[in-house]
Amino acid sequence: YINIRCFWGSKAHEAGAQIEVAWEANLYIPSIIWLRFVDPETEEVFCETCLGNELTGKQLIGRDPLGFDPSTRRFALSVIIEAI
């Protein structure tokens, strides 16, 4: 299993648009975890980021790599597991 929690702020926030991602995973084989943020209607990829191979963690994705304002634009999240 992989539990993902996202918290986001708008462009009006002091640091600009951002998403904080926290995760907990229970994977049986060594893997790299990737996240892909997409437009749920057009499937346009806004951002793809690597969370690495740690089973728990937290990462802040800032405005430059994010490419959209999560407080005003709908998005979907895909989790990609890359076996290593």
Protein backbone atom coordinates (compact mmCIF):
# COMPACT_ATOMS: atom_id res chain seq x y z
CA TYR A 1 0.00 0.00 0.00
CA ILE A 2 0.93 3.67 -0.36
CA ASN A 3 -0.81 6.42 1.59
CA ILE A 4 -0.38 9.90 0.11
CA ARG A 5 -1.46 13.14 1.79
CA CYS A 6 -1.33 16.50 0.00
CA PHE A 7 -1.59 19.98 1.47
CA TRP A 8 -1.48 22.97 -0.86
CA GLY A 9 -1.18 26.73 -0.88
CA SER A 10 -2.07 29.31 -3.51
CA LYS A 11 0.03 31.81 -5.48
CA ALA A 12 -1.13 34.38 -2.92
CA HIS A 13 0.76 32.44 -0.23
CA GLU A 14 4.08 33.99 0.75
CA ALA A 15 6.04 31.17 -0.91
CA GLY A 16 3.73 31.00 -3.95
CA ALA A 17 1.82 28.00 -5.22
CA GLN A 18 3.08 24.83 -3.59
CA ILE A 19 2.07 21.33 -2.55
CA GLU A 20 3.42 19.48 0.45
CA VAL A 21 3.27 15.72 -0.03
CA ALA A 22 3.61 13.23 2.82
CA TRP A 23 3.66 9.49 2.21
CA GLU A 24 3.82 6.12 3.91
CA ALA A 25 4.42 3.00 1.84
CA ASN A 26 4.66 -0.71 2.43
CA LEU A 27 6.39 -2.10 -0.65
CA TYR A 28 7.79 -5.63 -0.84
CA ILE A 29 10.46 -4.97 -3.47
CA PRO A 30 12.96 -2.08 -3.63
CA SER A 31 11.23 0.66 -5.61
CA ILE A 32 11.35 4.34 -6.49
CA ILE A 33 8.10 6.26 -5.94
CA TRP A 34 7.10 8.91 -8.48
CA LEU A 35 4.13 11.32 -8.43
CA ARG A 36 2.50 12.78 -11.51
CA PHE A 37 0.10 15.73 -11.23
CA VAL A 38 -2.31 15.88 -14.17
CA ASP A 39 -5.39 17.74 -15.37
CA PRO A 40 -8.20 15.19 -14.83
CA GLU A 41 -10.09 16.31 -17.94
CA THR A 42 -7.33 16.76 -20.54
CA GLU A 43 -4.71 14.46 -18.96
CA GLU A 44 -2.12 17.23 -19.45
CA VAL A 45 0.84 16.55 -17.16
CA PHE A 46 1.51 19.54 -14.91
CA CYS A 47 4.42 18.10 -12.99
CA GLU A 48 6.21 14.83 -12.33
CA THR A 49 8.40 14.44 -9.26
CA CYS A 50 10.46 11.69 -7.70
CA LEU A 51 9.86 10.91 -4.04
CA GLY A 52 12.74 8.44 -4.00
CA ASN A 53 12.93 5.02 -2.40
CA GLU A 54 12.19 5.94 1.22
CA LEU A 55 9.04 4.29 2.56
CA THR A 56 8.02 7.36 4.55
CA GLY A 57 8.71 11.01 3.99
CA LYS A 58 7.61 14.51 3.23
CA GLN A 59 8.44 16.73 0.25
CA LEU A 60 7.55 20.31 -0.65
CA ILE A 61 7.00 20.94 -4.35
CA GLY A 62 7.37 24.64 -5.07
CA ARG A 63 5.87 26.86 -7.73
CA ASP A 64 8.54 26.42 -10.41
CA PRO A 65 8.42 22.65 -10.83
CA LEU A 66 4.71 22.51 -9.98
CA GLY A 67 3.53 24.50 -13.01
CA PHE A 68 0.00 25.26 -11.74
CA ASP A 69 -1.87 26.76 -8.78
CA PRO A 70 -3.43 23.83 -6.87
CA SER A 71 -5.83 26.12 -5.00
CA THR A 72 -7.58 27.21 -8.20
CA ARG A 73 -7.07 24.39 -10.68
CA ARG A 74 -8.39 20.83 -10.43
CA PHE A 75 -5.75 18.14 -10.53
CA ALA A 76 -5.42 14.40 -10.24
CA LEU A 77 -2.51 12.51 -8.76
CA SER A 78 -0.97 9.35 -10.22
CA VAL A 79 1.49 7.23 -8.26
CA ILE A 80 4.12 5.39 -10.28
CA ILE A 81 6.23 2.62 -8.78
CA GLU A 82 9.54 1.91 -10.49
CA ALA A 83 11.18 -1.35 -9.42
CA ILE A 84 14.93 -1.09 -8.86
